[in-house]
Each structure stands twice: as structure tokens, then as C-alpha cells.
């Protein structure tokens, strides 16, 4: 229960931060990605703030034996760049640019009851299910690793 409550609090705080930063507005995302057109650099401040907070708190938090809201640390150990990582990153970036929403923002934006975030969210779920189906049939993970 303690872990779920902690996750809820952190998730709500994150959602509020997304809303305040303007990242829930697709026009801001598309403007940020349009570096050769009407570039909107304001999300650089959001990114700088997030990286700064993470840089400071990560060093402090990692001094603990266990996380506050979990029994174990979940730290990635792989460091190599694989074809799966590159392909997945490209698909993520293209989807983000076309839809104006990254996966986290699309979930948060569902609270707006607008159609666009719902379409993006359903597309993300469909893409995950499609990959799972294709992976079972063609063993894609092992071919991409």
C-alpha cells in the first residue's frame, strides 16, 4: 500500500509539472521540434529544470540502501546501442512529432476529454500489441538485439 500511495503522489506531482510546463499543449511540442521553421525554445527551460532536479536528487537518493517507495532499485545495466534501441527511438520520435504527444503526456492529456490525446493513446496501445503479436510470430526481439 505504501508503494502504491508513493507512486500515486509522484505521478500526480509529475502530471501537475507537465501541465504547468506547457508540455501538454501539442502546439508547444510541435513548435519545439520545428527547428527550421517557427521554433519555440520555451521547452528548453522545462528540460533544463528537469535535468537539473534529476542531477541533484539522483546523487542524493542513490546514497540510500533502498528507494523510498520500492523494495529494490531498478537501474538499467545495459549500455550498448542495439538496433532495437535505435529503431524504437526512431519510431518514438516520429510518433511524437506527428501526434504532438509523447506516451506519458498522452496519458495525462486524457483528462482533457479531447479526441486527439485519445487517438494517440489508442495508437500507442495498438503499436505495443502489434509488436507483441509480431514478436511472438517472428521472434523480433532476438533478431534486433
C-alpha atoms as a PDB file:
ATOM      1  CA  UNK A   1       0.000   0.000   0.000  1.00  0.00           C
ATOM      2  CA  UNK A   2       2.842   2.399   0.904  1.00  0.00           C
ATOM      3  CA  UNK A   3       4.439   1.832  -2.513  1.00  0.00           C
ATOM      4  CA  UNK A   4       1.171   2.449  -4.382  1.00  0.00           C
ATOM      5  CA  UNK A   5       0.481   5.635  -2.439  1.00  0.00           C
ATOM      6  CA  UNK A   6       4.006   6.870  -3.156  1.00  0.00           C
ATOM      7  CA  UNK A   7       3.578   6.112  -6.859  1.00  0.00           C
ATOM      8  CA  UNK A   8       0.248   7.972  -6.892  1.00  0.00           C
ATOM      9  CA  UNK A   9       1.751  11.054  -5.219  1.00  0.00           C
ATOM     10  CA  UNK A  10       4.772  11.092  -7.530  1.00  0.00           C
ATOM     11  CA  UNK A  11       2.518  10.560 -10.564  1.00  0.00           C
ATOM     12  CA  UNK A  12       0.241  13.443  -9.569  1.00  0.00           C
ATOM     13  CA  UNK A  13       3.215  15.714  -8.966  1.00  0.00           C
ATOM     14  CA  UNK A  14       4.623  14.754 -12.364  1.00  0.00           C
ATOM     15  CA  UNK A  15       1.266  15.405 -14.084  1.00  0.00           C
ATOM     16  CA  UNK A  16       0.999  18.845 -12.463  1.00  0.00           C
ATOM     17  CA  UNK A  17       4.533  19.633 -13.613  1.00  0.00           C
ATOM     18  CA  UNK A  18       3.662  18.580 -17.158  1.00  0.00           C
ATOM     19  CA  UNK A  19       0.631  20.853 -17.120  1.00  0.00           C
ATOM     20  CA  UNK A  20       2.488  23.859 -15.722  1.00  0.00           C
ATOM     21  CA  UNK A  21       5.357  23.463 -18.188  1.00  0.00           C
ATOM     22  CA  UNK A  22       3.086  23.633 -21.232  1.00  0.00           C
ATOM     23  CA  UNK A  23       4.197  20.236 -22.496  1.00  0.00           C
ATOM     24  CA  UNK A  24       0.570  19.067 -22.596  1.00  0.00           C
ATOM     25  CA  UNK A  25      -0.049  21.511 -25.458  1.00  0.00           C
ATOM     26  CA  UNK A  26       0.769  19.786 -28.772  1.00  0.00           C
ATOM     27  CA  UNK A  27       1.446  23.186 -30.369  1.00  0.00           C
ATOM     28  CA  UNK A  28       4.330  23.697 -27.918  1.00  0.00           C
ATOM     29  CA  UNK A  29       5.821  20.292 -28.758  1.00  0.00           C
ATOM     30  CA  UNK A  30       5.488  20.775 -32.498  1.00  0.00           C
ATOM     31  CA  UNK A  31       6.902  24.308 -32.161  1.00  0.00           C
ATOM     32  CA  UNK A  32       9.860  22.947 -30.201  1.00  0.00           C
ATOM     33  CA  UNK A  33      10.539  20.268 -32.823  1.00  0.00           C
ATOM     34  CA  UNK A  34      10.233  22.759 -35.719  1.00  0.00           C
ATOM     35  CA  UNK A  35      13.845  23.964 -35.526  1.00  0.00           C
ATOM     36  CA  UNK A  36      13.904  25.135 -39.162  1.00  0.00           C
ATOM     37  CA  UNK A  37      10.561  26.942 -39.028  1.00  0.00           C
ATOM     38  CA  UNK A  38       8.818  28.755 -36.189  1.00  0.00           C
ATOM     39  CA  UNK A  39      10.961  27.247 -33.453  1.00  0.00           C
ATOM     40  CA  UNK A  40       9.625  27.640 -29.914  1.00  0.00           C
ATOM     41  CA  UNK A  41      12.546  27.169 -27.483  1.00  0.00           C
ATOM     42  CA  UNK A  42      10.496  27.524 -24.270  1.00  0.00           C
ATOM     43  CA  UNK A  43      10.527  23.779 -23.543  1.00  0.00           C
ATOM     44  CA  UNK A  44      14.310  24.038 -23.149  1.00  0.00           C
ATOM     45  CA  UNK A  45      13.599  25.598 -19.745  1.00  0.00           C
ATOM     46  CA  UNK A  46      11.415  22.626 -18.813  1.00  0.00           C
ATOM     47  CA  UNK A  47      14.119  20.227 -19.946  1.00  0.00           C
ATOM     48  CA  UNK A  48      16.869  22.150 -18.139  1.00  0.00           C
ATOM     49  CA  UNK A  49      14.803  22.229 -14.953  1.00  0.00           C
ATOM     50  CA  UNK A  50      14.064  18.503 -15.137  1.00  0.00           C
ATOM     51  CA  UNK A  51      17.680  17.572 -15.841  1.00  0.00           C
ATOM     52  CA  UNK A  52      18.889  19.868 -13.052  1.00  0.00           C
ATOM     53  CA  UNK A  53      16.498  18.438 -10.464  1.00  0.00           C
ATOM     54  CA  UNK A  54      17.318  14.886 -11.560  1.00  0.00           C
ATOM     55  CA  UNK A  55      21.075  15.516 -11.456  1.00  0.00           C
ATOM     56  CA  UNK A  56      20.924  16.750  -7.869  1.00  0.00           C
ATOM     57  CA  UNK A  57      18.334  14.362  -6.437  1.00  0.00           C
ATOM     58  CA  UNK A  58      19.704  11.240  -8.150  1.00  0.00           C
ATOM     59  CA  UNK A  59      23.034  11.599  -6.390  1.00  0.00           C
ATOM     60  CA  UNK A  60      21.299  12.077  -3.024  1.00  0.00           C
ATOM     61  CA  UNK A  61      18.758   9.292  -3.475  1.00  0.00           C
ATOM     62  CA  UNK A  62      21.314   6.719  -4.641  1.00  0.00           C
ATOM     63  CA  UNK A  63      23.095   7.045  -1.294  1.00  0.00           C
ATOM     64  CA  UNK A  64      20.161   5.194   0.284  1.00  0.00           C
ATOM     65  CA  UNK A  65      20.238   1.400   0.558  1.00  0.00           C
ATOM     66  CA  UNK A  66      16.732   1.096  -0.940  1.00  0.00           C
ATOM     67  CA  UNK A  67      14.345   3.509  -2.647  1.00  0.00           C
ATOM     68  CA  UNK A  68      11.683   5.228  -0.550  1.00  0.00           C
ATOM     69  CA  UNK A  69       8.716   3.641  -2.317  1.00  0.00           C
ATOM     70  CA  UNK A  70      10.070   0.290  -3.504  1.00  0.00           C
ATOM     71  CA  UNK A  71      11.964  -2.674  -2.132  1.00  0.00           C
ATOM     72  CA  UNK A  72      14.621  -2.683  -4.861  1.00  0.00           C
ATOM     73  CA  UNK A  73      16.419  -0.323  -7.218  1.00  0.00           C
ATOM     74  CA  UNK A  74      15.556  -0.697 -10.898  1.00  0.00           C
ATOM     75  CA  UNK A  75      18.652   0.628 -12.617  1.00  0.00           C
ATOM     76  CA  UNK A  76      19.354  -0.343 -16.249  1.00  0.00           C
ATOM     77  CA  UNK A  77      22.634  -2.198 -16.625  1.00  0.00           C
ATOM     78  CA  UNK A  78      22.913  -2.472 -20.419  1.00  0.00           C
ATOM     79  CA  UNK A  79      24.987   0.215 -22.072  1.00  0.00           C
ATOM     80  CA  UNK A  80      25.322  -0.940 -25.669  1.00  0.00           C
ATOM     81  CA  UNK A  81      23.399   0.665 -28.515  1.00  0.00           C
ATOM     82  CA  UNK A  82      21.381  -2.059 -30.235  1.00  0.00           C
ATOM     83  CA  UNK A  83      19.319  -1.975 -33.431  1.00  0.00           C
ATOM     84  CA  UNK A  84      16.186  -2.384 -31.269  1.00  0.00           C
ATOM     85  CA  UNK A  85      17.111   0.754 -29.321  1.00  0.00           C
ATOM     86  CA  UNK A  86      17.733   2.775 -32.485  1.00  0.00           C
ATOM     87  CA  UNK A  87      14.564   1.559 -34.261  1.00  0.00           C
ATOM     88  CA  UNK A  88      12.439   2.062 -31.155  1.00  0.00           C
ATOM     89  CA  UNK A  89      13.840   5.566 -30.676  1.00  0.00           C
ATOM     90  CA  UNK A  90      13.091   6.468 -34.286  1.00  0.00           C
ATOM     91  CA  UNK A  91       9.507   5.204 -34.034  1.00  0.00           C
ATOM     92  CA  UNK A  92       9.063   7.067 -30.737  1.00  0.00           C
ATOM     93  CA  UNK A  93      10.397  10.315 -32.222  1.00  0.00           C
ATOM     94  CA  UNK A  94       8.318  10.075 -35.382  1.00  0.00           C
ATOM     95  CA  UNK A  95       5.178   9.328 -33.388  1.00  0.00           C
ATOM     96  CA  UNK A  96       5.904  12.180 -31.005  1.00  0.00           C
ATOM     97  CA  UNK A  97       6.448  14.608 -33.862  1.00  0.00           C
ATOM     98  CA  UNK A  98       3.352  13.532 -35.786  1.00  0.00           C
ATOM     99  CA  UNK A  99       1.000  13.352 -32.813  1.00  0.00           C
ATOM    100  CA  UNK A 100       2.442  16.120 -30.672  1.00  0.00           C
ATOM    101  CA  UNK A 101       2.288  13.837 -27.627  1.00  0.00           C
ATOM    102  CA  UNK A 102       4.815  11.517 -26.038  1.00  0.00           C
ATOM    103  CA  UNK A 103       3.316   8.471 -24.273  1.00  0.00           C
ATOM    104  CA  UNK A 104       3.334   9.992 -20.781  1.00  0.00           C
ATOM    105  CA  UNK A 105       1.785  13.226 -21.972  1.00  0.00           C
ATOM    106  CA  UNK A 106      -0.902  11.376 -23.934  1.00  0.00           C
ATOM    107  CA  UNK A 107      -1.971   9.557 -20.760  1.00  0.00           C
ATOM    108  CA  UNK A 108      -2.004  12.790 -18.747  1.00  0.00           C
ATOM    109  CA  UNK A 109      -3.910  14.582 -21.519  1.00  0.00           C
ATOM    110  CA  UNK A 110      -6.709  12.006 -21.404  1.00  0.00           C
ATOM    111  CA  UNK A 111      -8.070  14.102 -18.521  1.00  0.00           C
ATOM    112  CA  UNK A 112      -8.863  16.844 -21.060  1.00  0.00           C
ATOM    113  CA  UNK A 113     -11.518  14.588 -22.668  1.00  0.00           C
ATOM    114  CA  UNK A 114     -10.315  15.699 -26.103  1.00  0.00           C
ATOM    115  CA  UNK A 115     -10.189  13.319 -29.049  1.00  0.00           C
ATOM    116  CA  UNK A 116      -6.578  13.865 -30.121  1.00  0.00           C
ATOM    117  CA  UNK A 117      -4.866  12.503 -26.970  1.00  0.00           C
ATOM    118  CA  UNK A 118      -7.260   9.553 -27.013  1.00  0.00           C
ATOM    119  CA  UNK A 119      -6.294   8.746 -30.615  1.00  0.00           C
ATOM    120  CA  UNK A 120      -2.583   8.974 -29.736  1.00  0.00           C
ATOM    121  CA  UNK A 121      -3.043   6.818 -26.621  1.00  0.00           C
ATOM    122  CA  UNK A 122      -5.033   4.157 -28.509  1.00  0.00           C
ATOM    123  CA  UNK A 123      -2.368   4.193 -31.253  1.00  0.00           C
ATOM    124  CA  UNK A 124       0.370   3.615 -28.662  1.00  0.00           C
ATOM    125  CA  UNK A 125      -1.529   0.679 -27.166  1.00  0.00           C
ATOM    126  CA  UNK A 126      -2.190  -0.714 -30.660  1.00  0.00           C
ATOM    127  CA  UNK A 127       1.513  -0.406 -31.534  1.00  0.00           C
ATOM    128  CA  UNK A 128       2.520  -2.242 -28.365  1.00  0.00           C
ATOM    129  CA  UNK A 129       0.012  -5.046 -29.029  1.00  0.00           C
ATOM    130  CA  UNK A 130       1.108  -5.266 -32.679  1.00  0.00           C
ATOM    131  CA  UNK A 131       4.764  -5.554 -31.667  1.00  0.00           C
ATOM    132  CA  UNK A 132       3.884  -8.246 -29.104  1.00  0.00           C
ATOM    133  CA  UNK A 133       1.989 -10.204 -31.757  1.00  0.00           C
ATOM    134  CA  UNK A 134       4.765  -9.843 -34.355  1.00  0.00           C
ATOM    135  CA  UNK A 135       7.418 -10.695 -31.781  1.00  0.00           C
ATOM    136  CA  UNK A 136       5.640 -13.972 -30.962  1.00  0.00           C
ATOM    137  CA  UNK A 137       5.356 -14.874 -34.637  1.00  0.00           C
ATOM    138  CA  UNK A 138       8.775 -13.678 -35.841  1.00  0.00           C
ATOM    139  CA  UNK A 139      10.913 -13.519 -32.663  1.00  0.00           C
ATOM    140  CA  UNK A 140      11.771  -9.881 -33.379  1.00  0.00           C
ATOM    141  CA  UNK A 141      13.499  -9.166 -30.074  1.00  0.00           C
ATOM    142  CA  UNK A 142      16.243 -11.714 -30.651  1.00  0.00           C
ATOM    143  CA  UNK A 143      16.738 -10.538 -34.250  1.00  0.00           C
ATOM    144  CA  UNK A 144      17.090  -6.912 -33.183  1.00  0.00           C
ATOM    145  CA  UNK A 145      19.399  -7.481 -30.214  1.00  0.00           C
END
